[in-house]
Structures are given as structure tokens and as C-alpha cells.
Amino acid sequence: MNANELRIGNLIWDCEQKEIDKITGIEECRVSIDGSLFPYTPIDSIVGIELTEEWLLKLGFNNLDIDISYCKDDFSCIEANSGYLFWHKGHSLLIIKYVHQLQNLYFALTGEELTII
């Protein structure tokens, strides 16, 4: 994972603590993680959380029961071989594999954070 893929607030898997954590600070080779025992975690000790149906539902997407598709506001997606293919206002965007990528895309297009419900 590269630091330029991350934003403060992104959810990641902390391989050292073996838990899901939220990023609170970002530097080139390390990140600060909410609730961590250490002030910094090496960037190579974190990985993205795979985007799954469970995560889509936690992030407020609704299951449409049509071709494994989900929607939230102006976003919709369907399951693809290597992740989920997303549309925004009817325009095809890209395939997303990880929760932090969806968080970043959603924020970039709406100016709002995705929150766990």
C-alpha cells in the first residue's frame, strides 16, 4: 500500500495488531492509527480491507436483489470478478476492491464521508 492511496479516516487492516483500525495521520512510510499502542505503524504493516457485501451494507448500501447489485444515493454497483463495479449518476466509474478505495471515491464525488451504520 502507498501513502498516496490513503486519507485520514480510511479504514484499514492493521497486520501488527490484527484488527480493523482508522487512520488518523499519514506520512510517507508510516501512519497513525486510532487506538494503536504505538504512535506510528509502518505503512507496510497495513493492508486494505476487501470490499464485500457485508461492508457495503455496513456503509449504508442497500441490496437490490438484482444481479447482486447495491445502491446508496447516486451510487450503484454490481459484483465483478475482482471487486465491485461502481456507477455514479449513471456513469460507469471503476472496479473497487477495498473499503478505503470506496471511502475515497465517495468523498471525492460527494464531499461527504461514508460512515458505518
PDB file of N, CA and C in Angstrom:
ATOM      1  N   MET A   1       0.857  -1.171   0.000  1.00  0.00           N
ATOM      2  CA  MET A   1       0.000   0.000   0.000  1.00  0.00           C
ATOM      3  C   MET A   1       0.902   1.233   0.000  1.00  0.00           C
ATOM      4  N   ASN A   2       0.466   2.264  -0.697  1.00  0.00           N
ATOM      5  CA  ASN A   2       1.199   3.520  -0.757  1.00  0.00           C
ATOM      6  C   ASN A   2       0.465   4.589   0.037  1.00  0.00           C
ATOM      7  N   ALA A   3       1.226   5.510   0.632  1.00  0.00           N
ATOM      8  CA  ALA A   3       0.630   6.585   1.414  1.00  0.00           C
ATOM      9  C   ALA A   3      -0.316   7.440   0.576  1.00  0.00           C
ATOM     10  N   ASN A   4      -0.023   7.592  -0.729  1.00  0.00           N
ATOM     11  CA  ASN A   4      -0.876   8.446  -1.565  1.00  0.00           C
ATOM     12  C   ASN A   4      -2.239   7.828  -1.865  1.00  0.00           C
ATOM     13  N   GLU A   5      -2.469   6.590  -1.474  1.00  0.00           N
ATOM     14  CA  GLU A   5      -3.779   5.944  -1.631  1.00  0.00           C
ATOM     15  C   GLU A   5      -4.693   6.227  -0.446  1.00  0.00           C
ATOM     16  N   LEU A   6      -4.149   6.814   0.607  1.00  0.00           N
ATOM     17  CA  LEU A   6      -4.870   6.908   1.878  1.00  0.00           C
ATOM     18  C   LEU A   6      -5.308   8.322   2.205  1.00  0.00           C
ATOM     19  N   ARG A   7      -6.375   8.404   3.011  1.00  0.00           N
ATOM     20  CA  ARG A   7      -6.853   9.652   3.596  1.00  0.00           C
ATOM     21  C   ARG A   7      -7.083   9.404   5.079  1.00  0.00           C
ATOM     22  N   ILE A   8      -7.009  10.469   5.852  1.00  0.00           N
ATOM     23  CA  ILE A   8      -7.359  10.368   7.262  1.00  0.00           C
ATOM     24  C   ILE A   8      -8.822   9.940   7.338  1.00  0.00           C
ATOM     25  N   GLY A   9      -9.093   8.947   8.179  1.00  0.00           N
ATOM     26  CA  GLY A   9     -10.435   8.393   8.317  1.00  0.00           C
ATOM     27  C   GLY A   9     -10.614   7.074   7.591  1.00  0.00           C
ATOM     28  N   ASN A  10      -9.662   6.716   6.700  1.00  0.00           N
ATOM     29  CA  ASN A  10      -9.774   5.434   5.998  1.00  0.00           C
ATOM     30  C   ASN A  10      -9.690   4.276   6.980  1.00  0.00           C
ATOM     31  N   LEU A  11     -10.473   3.247   6.706  1.00  0.00           N
ATOM     32  CA  LEU A  11     -10.422   2.009   7.474  1.00  0.00           C
ATOM     33  C   LEU A  11      -9.443   1.057   6.798  1.00  0.00           C
ATOM     34  N   ILE A  12      -8.562   0.455   7.601  1.00  0.00           N
ATOM     35  CA  ILE A  12      -7.552  -0.466   7.071  1.00  0.00           C
ATOM     36  C   ILE A  12      -7.436  -1.658   8.020  1.00  0.00           C
ATOM     37  N   TRP A  13      -6.719  -2.691   7.567  1.00  0.00           N
ATOM     38  CA  TRP A  13      -6.396  -3.833   8.414  1.00  0.00           C
ATOM     39  C   TRP A  13      -4.978  -3.635   8.917  1.00  0.00           C
ATOM     40  N   ASP A  14      -4.818  -3.575  10.246  1.00  0.00           N
ATOM     41  CA  ASP A  14      -3.510  -3.441  10.886  1.00  0.00           C
ATOM     42  C   ASP A  14      -2.966  -4.850  11.116  1.00  0.00           C
ATOM     43  N   CYS A  15      -1.956  -5.230  10.342  1.00  0.00           N
ATOM     44  CA  CYS A  15      -1.389  -6.579  10.429  1.00  0.00           C
ATOM     45  C   CYS A  15      -0.676  -6.828  11.750  1.00  0.00           C
ATOM     46  N   GLU A  16      -0.143  -5.775  12.373  1.00  0.00           N
ATOM     47  CA  GLU A  16       0.553  -5.951  13.650  1.00  0.00           C
ATOM     48  C   GLU A  16      -0.429  -6.187  14.794  1.00  0.00           C
ATOM     49  N   GLN A  17      -1.492  -5.384  14.839  1.00  0.00           N
ATOM     50  CA  GLN A  17      -2.481  -5.505  15.908  1.00  0.00           C
ATOM     51  C   GLN A  17      -3.570  -6.518  15.580  1.00  0.00           C
ATOM     52  N   LYS A  18      -3.605  -6.941  14.299  1.00  0.00           N
ATOM     53  CA  LYS A  18      -4.599  -7.907  13.820  1.00  0.00           C
ATOM     54  C   LYS A  18      -6.032  -7.428  14.083  1.00  0.00           C
ATOM     55  N   GLU A  19      -6.288  -6.171  13.618  1.00  0.00           N
ATOM     56  CA  GLU A  19      -7.612  -5.605  13.787  1.00  0.00           C
ATOM     57  C   GLU A  19      -7.860  -4.509  12.756  1.00  0.00           C
ATOM     58  N   ILE A  20      -9.122  -4.170  12.580  1.00  0.00           N
ATOM     59  CA  ILE A  20      -9.509  -3.071  11.713  1.00  0.00           C
ATOM     60  C   ILE A  20      -9.320  -1.786  12.490  1.00  0.00           C
ATOM     61  N   ASP A  21      -8.674  -0.819  11.858  1.00  0.00           N
ATOM     62  CA  ASP A  21      -8.413   0.464  12.505  1.00  0.00           C
ATOM     63  C   ASP A  21      -8.680   1.609  11.551  1.00  0.00           C
ATOM     64  N   LYS A  22      -8.755   2.823  12.112  1.00  0.00           N
ATOM     65  CA  LYS A  22      -8.976   4.033  11.338  1.00  0.00           C
ATOM     66  C   LYS A  22      -7.690   4.852  11.327  1.00  0.00           C
ATOM     67  N   ILE A  23      -7.315   5.348  10.162  1.00  0.00           N
ATOM     68  CA  ILE A  23      -6.110   6.161  10.024  1.00  0.00           C
ATOM     69  C   ILE A  23      -6.375   7.558  10.561  1.00  0.00           C
ATOM     70  N   THR A  24      -5.440   8.042  11.407  1.00  0.00           N
ATOM     71  CA  THR A  24      -5.567   9.381  11.974  1.00  0.00           C
ATOM     72  C   THR A  24      -4.449  10.313  11.519  1.00  0.00           C
ATOM     73  N   GLY A  25      -3.417   9.762  10.886  1.00  0.00           N
ATOM     74  CA  GLY A  25      -2.315  10.572  10.368  1.00  0.00           C
ATOM     75  C   GLY A  25      -1.561   9.781   9.316  1.00  0.00           C
ATOM     76  N   ILE A  26      -0.985  10.503   8.354  1.00  0.00           N
ATOM     77  CA  ILE A  26      -0.296   9.831   7.249  1.00  0.00           C
ATOM     78  C   ILE A  26       1.032  10.520   6.979  1.00  0.00           C
ATOM     79  N   GLU A  27       2.074   9.727   6.898  1.00  0.00           N
ATOM     80  CA  GLU A  27       3.378  10.180   6.444  1.00  0.00           C
ATOM     81  C   GLU A  27       3.816   9.243   5.327  1.00  0.00           C
ATOM     82  N   GLU A  28       4.945   9.520   4.708  1.00  0.00           N
ATOM     83  CA  GLU A  28       5.366   8.744   3.548  1.00  0.00           C
ATOM     84  C   GLU A  28       5.521   7.257   3.844  1.00  0.00           C
ATOM     85  N   CYS A  29       6.103   6.905   4.978  1.00  0.00           N
ATOM     86  CA  CYS A  29       6.397   5.494   5.277  1.00  0.00           C
ATOM     87  C   CYS A  29       5.667   4.962   6.494  1.00  0.00           C
ATOM     88  N   ARG A  30       4.812   5.777   7.088  1.00  0.00           N
ATOM     89  CA  ARG A  30       4.117   5.321   8.292  1.00  0.00           C
ATOM     90  C   ARG A  30       2.794   6.070   8.447  1.00  0.00           C
ATOM     91  N   VAL A  31       1.921   5.469   9.259  1.00  0.00           N
ATOM     92  CA  VAL A  31       0.625   6.070   9.532  1.00  0.00           C
ATOM     93  C   VAL A  31       0.376   6.065  11.034  1.00  0.00           C
ATOM     94  N   SER A  32      -0.482   6.959  11.470  1.00  0.00           N
ATOM     95  CA  SER A  32      -1.000   6.921  12.835  1.00  0.00           C
ATOM     96  C   SER A  32      -2.362   6.252  12.767  1.00  0.00           C
ATOM     97  N   ILE A  33      -2.619   5.420  13.763  1.00  0.00           N
ATOM     98  CA  ILE A  33      -3.864   4.653  13.773  1.00  0.00           C
ATOM     99  C   ILE A  33      -4.598   4.905  15.085  1.00  0.00           C
ATOM    100  N   ASP A  34      -5.883   5.146  14.981  1.00  0.00           N
ATOM    101  CA  ASP A  34      -6.736   5.385  16.136  1.00  0.00           C
ATOM    102  C   ASP A  34      -6.670   4.194  17.091  1.00  0.00           C
ATOM    103  N   GLY A  35      -6.344   4.455  18.341  1.00  0.00           N
ATOM    104  CA  GLY A  35      -6.341   3.412  19.357  1.00  0.00           C
ATOM    105  C   GLY A  35      -5.115   2.525  19.366  1.00  0.00           C
ATOM    106  N   SER A  36      -4.112   2.819  18.537  1.00  0.00           N
ATOM    107  CA  SER A  36      -2.920   1.983  18.494  1.00  0.00           C
ATOM    108  C   SER A  36      -2.082   2.159  19.752  1.00  0.00           C
ATOM    109  N   LEU A  37      -1.377   1.117  20.145  1.00  0.00           N
ATOM    110  CA  LEU A  37      -0.475   1.184  21.290  1.00  0.00           C
ATOM    111  C   LEU A  37       0.786   1.981  20.966  1.00  0.00           C
ATOM    112  N   PHE A  38       1.062   2.168  19.676  1.00  0.00           N
ATOM    113  CA  PHE A  38       2.277   2.832  19.235  1.00  0.00           C
ATOM    114  C   PHE A  38       1.912   4.123  18.499  1.00  0.00           C
ATOM    115  N   PRO A  39       2.793   5.134  18.551  1.00  0.00           N
ATOM    116  CA  PRO A  39       2.454   6.390  17.872  1.00  0.00           C
ATOM    117  C   PRO A  39       2.374   6.250  16.348  1.00  0.00           C
ATOM    118  N   TYR A  40       3.173   5.344  15.783  1.00  0.00           N
ATOM    119  CA  TYR A  40       3.174   5.153  14.333  1.00  0.00           C
ATOM    120  C   TYR A  40       3.208   3.674  13.991  1.00  0.00           C
ATOM    121  N   THR A  41       2.645   3.346  12.836  1.00  0.00           N
ATOM    122  CA  THR A  41       2.667   1.990  12.304  1.00  0.00           C
ATOM    123  C   THR A  41       3.299   2.070  10.916  1.00  0.00           C
ATOM    124  N   PRO A  42       4.281   1.220  10.621  1.00  0.00           N
ATOM    125  CA  PRO A  42       4.869   1.239   9.277  1.00  0.00           C
ATOM    126  C   PRO A  42       3.801   0.976   8.218  1.00  0.00           C
ATOM    127  N   ILE A  43       3.887   1.684   7.115  1.00  0.00           N
ATOM    128  CA  ILE A  43       2.877   1.555   6.074  1.00  0.00           C
ATOM    129  C   ILE A  43       2.823   0.149   5.492  1.00  0.00           C
ATOM    130  N   ASP A  44       3.957  -0.563   5.569  1.00  0.00           N
ATOM    131  CA  ASP A  44       3.941  -1.933   5.053  1.00  0.00           C
ATOM    132  C   ASP A  44       3.327  -2.919   6.039  1.00  0.00           C
ATOM    133  N   SER A  45       2.831  -2.417   7.179  1.00  0.00           N
ATOM    134  CA  SER A  45       2.151  -3.261   8.163  1.00  0.00           C
ATOM    135  C   SER A  45       0.632  -3.111   8.094  1.00  0.00           C
ATOM    136  N   ILE A  46       0.147  -2.388   7.090  1.00  0.00           N
ATOM    137  CA  ILE A  46      -1.302  -2.250   6.919  1.00  0.00           C
ATOM    138  C   ILE A  46      -1.681  -2.708   5.516  1.00  0.00           C
ATOM    139  N   VAL A  47      -2.886  -3.199   5.391  1.00  0.00           N
ATOM    140  CA  VAL A  47      -3.417  -3.606   4.089  1.00  0.00           C
ATOM    141  C   VAL A  47      -4.865  -3.142   3.988  1.00  0.00           C
ATOM    142  N   GLY A  48      -5.356  -3.107   2.762  1.00  0.00           N
ATOM    143  CA  GLY A  48      -6.747  -2.745   2.548  1.00  0.00           C
ATOM    144  C   GLY A  48      -7.681  -3.842   3.014  1.00  0.00           C
ATOM    145  N   ILE A  49      -8.877  -3.444   3.412  1.00  0.00           N
ATOM    146  CA  ILE A  49      -9.929  -4.384   3.795  1.00  0.00           C
ATOM    147  C   ILE A  49     -10.711  -4.713   2.525  1.00  0.00           C
ATOM    148  N   GLU A  50     -10.822  -5.988   2.209  1.00  0.00           N
ATOM    149  CA  GLU A  50     -11.522  -6.381   0.992  1.00  0.00           C
ATOM    150  C   GLU A  50     -12.985  -5.952   1.065  1.00  0.00           C
ATOM    151  N   LEU A  51     -13.448  -5.315  -0.002  1.00  0.00           N
ATOM    152  CA  LEU A  51     -14.833  -4.882  -0.082  1.00  0.00           C
ATOM    153  C   LEU A  51     -15.721  -6.102  -0.317  1.00  0.00           C
ATOM    154  N   THR A  52     -16.682  -6.291   0.564  1.00  0.00           N
ATOM    155  CA  THR A  52     -17.604  -7.426   0.496  1.00  0.00           C
ATOM    156  C   THR A  52     -19.038  -6.919   0.638  1.00  0.00           C
ATOM    157  N   GLU A  53     -19.987  -7.819   0.446  1.00  0.00           N
ATOM    158  CA  GLU A  53     -21.391  -7.461   0.663  1.00  0.00           C
ATOM    159  C   GLU A  53     -21.593  -6.947   2.090  1.00  0.00           C
ATOM    160  N   GLU A  54     -20.972  -7.598   3.050  1.00  0.00           N
ATOM    161  CA  GLU A  54     -21.094  -7.172   4.450  1.00  0.00           C
ATOM    162  C   GLU A  54     -20.636  -5.724   4.623  1.00  0.00           C
ATOM    163  N   TRP A  55     -19.512  -5.360   3.996  1.00  0.00           N
ATOM    164  CA  TRP A  55     -19.012  -3.989   4.107  1.00  0.00           C
ATOM    165  C   TRP A  55     -19.923  -3.003   3.381  1.00  0.00           C
ATOM    166  N   LEU A  56     -20.428  -3.367   2.227  1.00  0.00           N
ATOM    167  CA  LEU A  56     -21.347  -2.469   1.523  1.00  0.00           C
ATOM    168  C   LEU A  56     -22.565  -2.166   2.393  1.00  0.00           C
ATOM    169  N   LEU A  57     -23.125  -3.185   3.029  1.00  0.00           N
ATOM    170  CA  LEU A  57     -24.282  -2.983   3.898  1.00  0.00           C
ATOM    171  C   LEU A  57     -23.918  -2.135   5.111  1.00  0.00           C
ATOM    172  N   LYS A  58     -22.738  -2.371   5.711  1.00  0.00           N
ATOM    173  CA  LYS A  58     -22.289  -1.557   6.851  1.00  0.00           C
ATOM    174  C   LYS A  58     -22.134  -0.090   6.472  1.00  0.00           C
ATOM    175  N   LEU A  59     -21.766   0.162   5.214  1.00  0.00           N
ATOM    176  CA  LEU A  59     -21.539   1.531   4.747  1.00  0.00           C
ATOM    177  C   LEU A  59     -22.797   2.176   4.187  1.00  0.00           C
ATOM    178  N   GLY A  60     -23.953   1.521   4.365  1.00  0.00           N
ATOM    179  CA  GLY A  60     -25.226   2.127   4.021  1.00  0.00           C
ATOM    180  C   GLY A  60     -25.761   1.810   2.648  1.00  0.00           C
ATOM    181  N   PHE A  61     -25.136   0.889   1.921  1.00  0.00           N
ATOM    182  CA  PHE A  61     -25.664   0.483   0.624  1.00  0.00           C
ATOM    183  C   PHE A  61     -26.809  -0.497   0.841  1.00  0.00           C
ATOM    184  N   ASN A  62     -27.787  -0.460  -0.044  1.00  0.00           N
ATOM    185  CA  ASN A  62     -28.936  -1.358   0.013  1.00  0.00           C
ATOM    186  C   ASN A  62     -28.792  -2.428  -1.051  1.00  0.00           C
ATOM    187  N   ASN A  63     -29.137  -3.656  -0.683  1.00  0.00           N
ATOM    188  CA  ASN A  63     -29.122  -4.766  -1.628  1.00  0.00           C
ATOM    189  C   ASN A  63     -30.399  -4.699  -2.447  1.00  0.00           C
ATOM    190  N   LEU A  64     -30.256  -4.625  -3.774  1.00  0.00           N
ATOM    191  CA  LEU A  64     -31.421  -4.523  -4.655  1.00  0.00           C
ATOM    192  C   LEU A  64     -31.942  -5.881  -5.093  1.00  0.00           C
ATOM    193  N   ASP A  65     -31.251  -6.961  -4.711  1.00  0.00           N
ATOM    194  CA  ASP A  65     -31.657  -8.318  -5.093  1.00  0.00           C
ATOM    195  C   ASP A  65     -31.754  -8.496  -6.605  1.00  0.00           C
ATOM    196  N   ILE A  66     -31.020  -7.715  -7.360  1.00  0.00           N
ATOM    197  CA  ILE A  66     -30.988  -7.839  -8.817  1.00  0.00           C
ATOM    198  C   ILE A  66     -29.526  -7.989  -9.224  1.00  0.00           C
ATOM    199  N   ASP A  67     -29.155  -9.155  -9.719  1.00  0.00           N
ATOM    200  CA  ASP A  67     -27.782  -9.376 -10.192  1.00  0.00           C
ATOM    201  C   ASP A  67     -26.737  -8.975  -9.157  1.00  0.00           C
ATOM    202  N   ILE A  68     -26.974  -9.266  -7.899  1.00  0.00           N
ATOM    203  CA  ILE A  68     -26.050  -8.921  -6.818  1.00  0.00           C
ATOM    204  C   ILE A  68     -25.675  -7.446  -6.904  1.00  0.00           C
ATOM    205  N   SER A  69     -26.665  -6.571  -6.954  1.00  0.00           N
ATOM    206  CA  SER A  69     -26.404  -5.139  -7.074  1.00  0.00           C
ATOM    207  C   SER A  69     -26.812  -4.398  -5.801  1.00  0.00           C
ATOM    208  N   TYR A  70     -26.160  -3.248  -5.603  1.00  0.00           N
ATOM    209  CA  TYR A  70     -26.333  -2.447  -4.395  1.00  0.00           C
ATOM    210  C   TYR A  70     -26.419  -0.985  -4.801  1.00  0.00           C
ATOM    211  N   CYS A  71     -27.065  -0.169  -3.946  1.00  0.00           N
ATOM    212  CA  CYS A  71     -27.123   1.261  -4.232  1.00  0.00           C
ATOM    213  C   CYS A  71     -27.117   2.063  -2.940  1.00  0.00           C
ATOM    214  N   LYS A  72     -26.658   3.300  -3.069  1.00  0.00           N
ATOM    215  CA  LYS A  72     -26.691   4.283  -1.990  1.00  0.00           C
ATOM    216  C   LYS A  72     -26.661   5.646  -2.667  1.00  0.00           C
ATOM    217  N   ASP A  73     -27.653   6.464  -2.412  1.00  0.00           N
ATOM    218  CA  ASP A  73     -27.742   7.790  -3.018  1.00  0.00           C
ATOM    219  C   ASP A  73     -27.610   7.651  -4.534  1.00  0.00           C
ATOM    220  N   ASP A  74     -26.646   8.337  -5.144  1.00  0.00           N
ATOM    221  CA  ASP A  74     -26.459   8.288  -6.601  1.00  0.00           C
ATOM    222  C   ASP A  74     -25.448   7.235  -7.024  1.00  0.00           C
ATOM    223  N   PHE A  75     -25.040   6.364  -6.116  1.00  0.00           N
ATOM    224  CA  PHE A  75     -24.080   5.304  -6.419  1.00  0.00           C
ATOM    225  C   PHE A  75     -24.795   3.977  -6.563  1.00  0.00           C
ATOM    226  N   SER A  76     -24.324   3.172  -7.496  1.00  0.00           N
ATOM    227  CA  SER A  76     -24.779   1.794  -7.590  1.00  0.00           C
ATOM    228  C   SER A  76     -23.589   0.940  -7.987  1.00  0.00           C
ATOM    229  N   CYS A  77     -23.679  -0.357  -7.690  1.00  0.00           N
ATOM    230  CA  CYS A  77     -22.578  -1.250  -8.029  1.00  0.00           C
ATOM    231  C   CYS A  77     -23.091  -2.666  -8.210  1.00  0.00           C
ATOM    232  N   ILE A  78     -22.297  -3.433  -8.929  1.00  0.00           N
ATOM    233  CA  ILE A  78     -22.550  -4.857  -9.069  1.00  0.00           C
ATOM    234  C   ILE A  78     -21.245  -5.583  -8.799  1.00  0.00           C
ATOM    235  N   GLU A  79     -21.368  -6.818  -8.354  1.00  0.00           N
ATOM    236  CA  GLU A  79     -20.189  -7.623  -8.083  1.00  0.00           C
ATOM    237  C   GLU A  79     -19.494  -7.951  -9.401  1.00  0.00           C
ATOM    238  N   ALA A  80     -18.184  -7.792  -9.421  1.00  0.00           N
ATOM    239  CA  ALA A  80     -17.365  -8.113 -10.593  1.00  0.00           C
ATOM    240  C   ALA A  80     -16.320  -9.140 -10.165  1.00  0.00           C
ATOM    241  N   ASN A  81     -15.601  -9.692 -11.118  1.00  0.00           N
ATOM    242  CA  ASN A  81     -14.611 -10.734 -10.809  1.00  0.00           C
ATOM    243  C   ASN A  81     -13.579 -10.306  -9.777  1.00  0.00           C
ATOM    244  N   SER A  82     -13.132  -9.067  -9.846  1.00  0.00           N
ATOM    245  CA  SER A  82     -12.056  -8.647  -8.954  1.00  0.00           C
ATOM    246  C   SER A  82     -12.477  -7.539  -7.996  1.00  0.00           C
ATOM    247  N   GLY A  83     -13.746  -7.431  -7.706  1.00  0.00           N
ATOM    248  CA  GLY A  83     -14.238  -6.395  -6.793  1.00  0.00           C
ATOM    249  C   GLY A  83     -15.671  -6.043  -7.139  1.00  0.00           C
ATOM    250  N   TYR A  84     -15.995  -4.753  -7.074  1.00  0.00           N
ATOM    251  CA  TYR A  84     -17.326  -4.253  -7.404  1.00  0.00           C
ATOM    252  C   TYR A  84     -17.191  -3.130  -8.416  1.00  0.00           C
ATOM    253  N   LEU A  85     -17.997  -3.193  -9.469  1.00  0.00           N
ATOM    254  CA  LEU A  85     -18.020  -2.152 -10.484  1.00  0.00           C
ATOM    255  C   LEU A  85     -19.031  -1.097 -10.055  1.00  0.00           C
ATOM    256  N   PHE A  86     -18.555   0.151  -9.947  1.00  0.00           N
ATOM    257  CA  PHE A  86     -19.384   1.246  -9.449  1.00  0.00           C
ATOM    258  C   PHE A  86     -19.798   2.193 -10.558  1.00  0.00           C
ATOM    259  N   TRP A  87     -21.030   2.736 -10.389  1.00  0.00           N
ATOM    260  CA  TRP A  87     -21.564   3.801 -11.223  1.00  0.00           C
ATOM    261  C   TRP A  87     -21.929   4.953 -10.307  1.00  0.00           C
ATOM    262  N   HIS A  88     -21.840   6.155 -10.829  1.00  0.00           N
ATOM    263  CA  HIS A  88     -22.298   7.342 -10.111  1.00  0.00           C
ATOM    264  C   HIS A  88     -23.141   8.157 -11.081  1.00  0.00           C
ATOM    265  N   LYS A  89     -24.390   8.382 -10.718  1.00  0.00           N
ATOM    266  CA  LYS A  89     -25.345   9.106 -11.569  1.00  0.00           C
ATOM    267  C   LYS A  89     -25.380   8.521 -12.978  1.00  0.00           C
ATOM    268  N   GLY A  90     -25.331   7.189 -13.057  1.00  0.00           N
ATOM    269  CA  GLY A  90     -25.451   6.508 -14.331  1.00  0.00           C
ATOM    270  C   GLY A  90     -24.170   6.376 -15.132  1.00  0.00           C
ATOM    271  N   HIS A  91     -23.070   6.958 -14.653  1.00  0.00           N
ATOM    272  CA  HIS A  91     -21.797   6.890 -15.362  1.00  0.00           C
ATOM    273  C   HIS A  91     -20.913   5.812 -14.746  1.00  0.00           C
ATOM    274  N   SER A  92     -20.460   4.893 -15.567  1.00  0.00           N
ATOM    275  CA  SER A  92     -19.575   3.830 -15.095  1.00  0.00           C
ATOM    276  C   SER A  92     -18.259   4.435 -14.641  1.00  0.00           C
ATOM    277  N   LEU A  93     -17.776   4.003 -13.478  1.00  0.00           N
ATOM    278  CA  LEU A  93     -16.554   4.570 -12.926  1.00  0.00           C
ATOM    279  C   LEU A  93     -15.404   3.581 -12.978  1.00  0.00           C
ATOM    280  N   LEU A  94     -15.357   2.666 -12.030  1.00  0.00           N
ATOM    281  CA  LEU A  94     -14.243   1.739 -11.953  1.00  0.00           C
ATOM    282  C   LEU A  94     -14.568   0.581 -11.038  1.00  0.00           C
ATOM    283  N   ILE A  95     -13.681  -0.406 -11.066  1.00  0.00           N
ATOM    284  CA  ILE A  95     -13.811  -1.551 -10.162  1.00  0.00           C
ATOM    285  C   ILE A  95     -13.044  -1.240  -8.892  1.00  0.00           C
ATOM    286  N   ILE A  96     -13.698  -1.443  -7.768  1.00  0.00           N
ATOM    287  CA  ILE A  96     -13.107  -1.165  -6.459  1.00  0.00           C
ATOM    288  C   ILE A  96     -12.997  -2.472  -5.689  1.00  0.00           C
ATOM    289  N   LYS A  97     -11.812  -2.699  -5.094  1.00  0.00           N
ATOM    290  CA  LYS A  97     -11.552  -3.919  -4.335  1.00  0.00           C
ATOM    291  C   LYS A  97     -11.559  -3.711  -2.824  1.00  0.00           C
ATOM    292  N   TYR A  98     -11.255  -2.485  -2.370  1.00  0.00           N
ATOM    293  CA  TYR A  98     -11.027  -2.267  -0.943  1.00  0.00           C
ATOM    294  C   TYR A  98     -11.913  -1.161  -0.379  1.00  0.00           C
ATOM    295  N   VAL A  99     -12.209  -1.280   0.908  1.00  0.00           N
ATOM    296  CA  VAL A  99     -13.064  -0.318   1.603  1.00  0.00           C
ATOM    297  C   VAL A  99     -12.490   1.090   1.500  1.00  0.00           C
ATOM    298  N   HIS A 100     -11.181   1.263   1.703  1.00  0.00           N
ATOM    299  CA  HIS A 100     -10.619   2.618   1.665  1.00  0.00           C
ATOM    300  C   HIS A 100     -10.757   3.247   0.278  1.00  0.00           C
ATOM    301  N   GLN A 101     -10.725   2.441  -0.783  1.00  0.00           N
ATOM    302  CA  GLN A 101     -10.917   2.987  -2.128  1.00  0.00           C
ATOM    303  C   GLN A 101     -12.333   3.520  -2.294  1.00  0.00           C
ATOM    304  N   LEU A 102     -13.313   2.792  -1.769  1.00  0.00           N
ATOM    305  CA  LEU A 102     -14.697   3.250  -1.828  1.00  0.00           C
ATOM    306  C   LEU A 102     -14.874   4.513  -0.990  1.00  0.00           C
ATOM    307  N   GLN A 103     -14.279   4.544   0.196  1.00  0.00           N
ATOM    308  CA  GLN A 103     -14.351   5.745   1.029  1.00  0.00           C
ATOM    309  C   GLN A 103     -13.813   6.961   0.273  1.00  0.00           C
ATOM    310  N   ASN A 104     -12.682   6.788  -0.397  1.00  0.00           N
ATOM    311  CA  ASN A 104     -12.047   7.895  -1.115  1.00  0.00           C
ATOM    312  C   ASN A 104     -12.886   8.344  -2.304  1.00  0.00           C
ATOM    313  N   LEU A 105     -13.409   7.393  -3.082  1.00  0.00           N
ATOM    314  CA  LEU A 105     -14.234   7.726  -4.237  1.00  0.00           C
ATOM    315  C   LEU A 105     -15.503   8.460  -3.805  1.00  0.00           C
ATOM    316  N   TYR A 106     -16.167   7.924  -2.795  1.00  0.00           N
ATOM    317  CA  TYR A 106     -17.406   8.524  -2.319  1.00  0.00           C
ATOM    318  C   TYR A 106     -17.160   9.962  -1.865  1.00  0.00           C
ATOM    319  N   PHE A 107     -16.097  10.176  -1.105  1.00  0.00           N
ATOM    320  CA  PHE A 107     -15.780  11.524  -0.624  1.00  0.00           C
ATOM    321  C   PHE A 107     -15.446  12.451  -1.793  1.00  0.00           C
ATOM    322  N   ALA A 108     -14.658  11.963  -2.754  1.00  0.00           N
ATOM    323  CA  ALA A 108     -14.268  12.796  -3.892  1.00  0.00           C
ATOM    324  C   ALA A 108     -15.480  13.261  -4.692  1.00  0.00           C
ATOM    325  N   LEU A 109     -16.497  12.426  -4.816  1.00  0.00           N
ATOM    326  CA  LEU A 109     -17.655  12.770  -5.643  1.00  0.00           C
ATOM    327  C   LEU A 109     -18.791  13.444  -4.882  1.00  0.00           C
ATOM    328  N   THR A 110     -18.838  13.274  -3.564  1.00  0.00           N
ATOM    329  CA  THR A 110     -19.953  13.849  -2.798  1.00  0.00           C
ATOM    330  C   THR A 110     -19.517  14.899  -1.782  1.00  0.00           C
ATOM    331  N   GLY A 111     -18.237  14.871  -1.388  1.00  0.00           N
ATOM    332  CA  GLY A 111     -17.778  15.770  -0.332  1.00  0.00           C
ATOM    333  C   GLY A 111     -18.195  15.300   1.056  1.00  0.00           C
ATOM    334  N   GLU A 112     -18.753  14.090   1.150  1.00  0.00           N
ATOM    335  CA  GLU A 112     -19.207  13.540   2.421  1.00  0.00           C
ATOM    336  C   GLU A 112     -18.481  12.238   2.707  1.00  0.00           C
ATOM    337  N   GLU A 113     -18.307  11.942   3.989  1.00  0.00           N
ATOM    338  CA  GLU A 113     -17.669  10.702   4.395  1.00  0.00           C
ATOM    339  C   GLU A 113     -18.689   9.565   4.432  1.00  0.00           C
ATOM    340  N   LEU A 114     -18.255   8.381   4.052  1.00  0.00           N
ATOM    341  CA  LEU A 114     -19.062   7.193   4.274  1.00  0.00           C
ATOM    342  C   LEU A 114     -18.928   6.819   5.744  1.00  0.00           C
ATOM    343  N   THR A 115     -20.007   6.510   6.378  1.00  0.00           N
ATOM    344  CA  THR A 115     -19.953   6.133   7.780  1.00  0.00           C
ATOM    345  C   THR A 115     -20.551   4.745   7.951  1.00  0.00           C
ATOM    346  N   ILE A 116     -20.046   4.050   8.943  1.00  0.00           N
ATOM    347  CA  ILE A 116     -20.573   2.714   9.254  1.00  0.00           C
ATOM    348  C   ILE A 116     -21.891   2.892   9.993  1.00  0.00           C
ATOM    349  N   ILE A 117     -22.912   2.147   9.522  1.00  0.00           N
ATOM    350  CA  ILE A 117     -24.221   2.241  10.199  1.00  0.00           C
ATOM    351  C   ILE A 117     -24.481   0.950  10.953  1.00  0.00           C
TER     352      ILE A 117
END
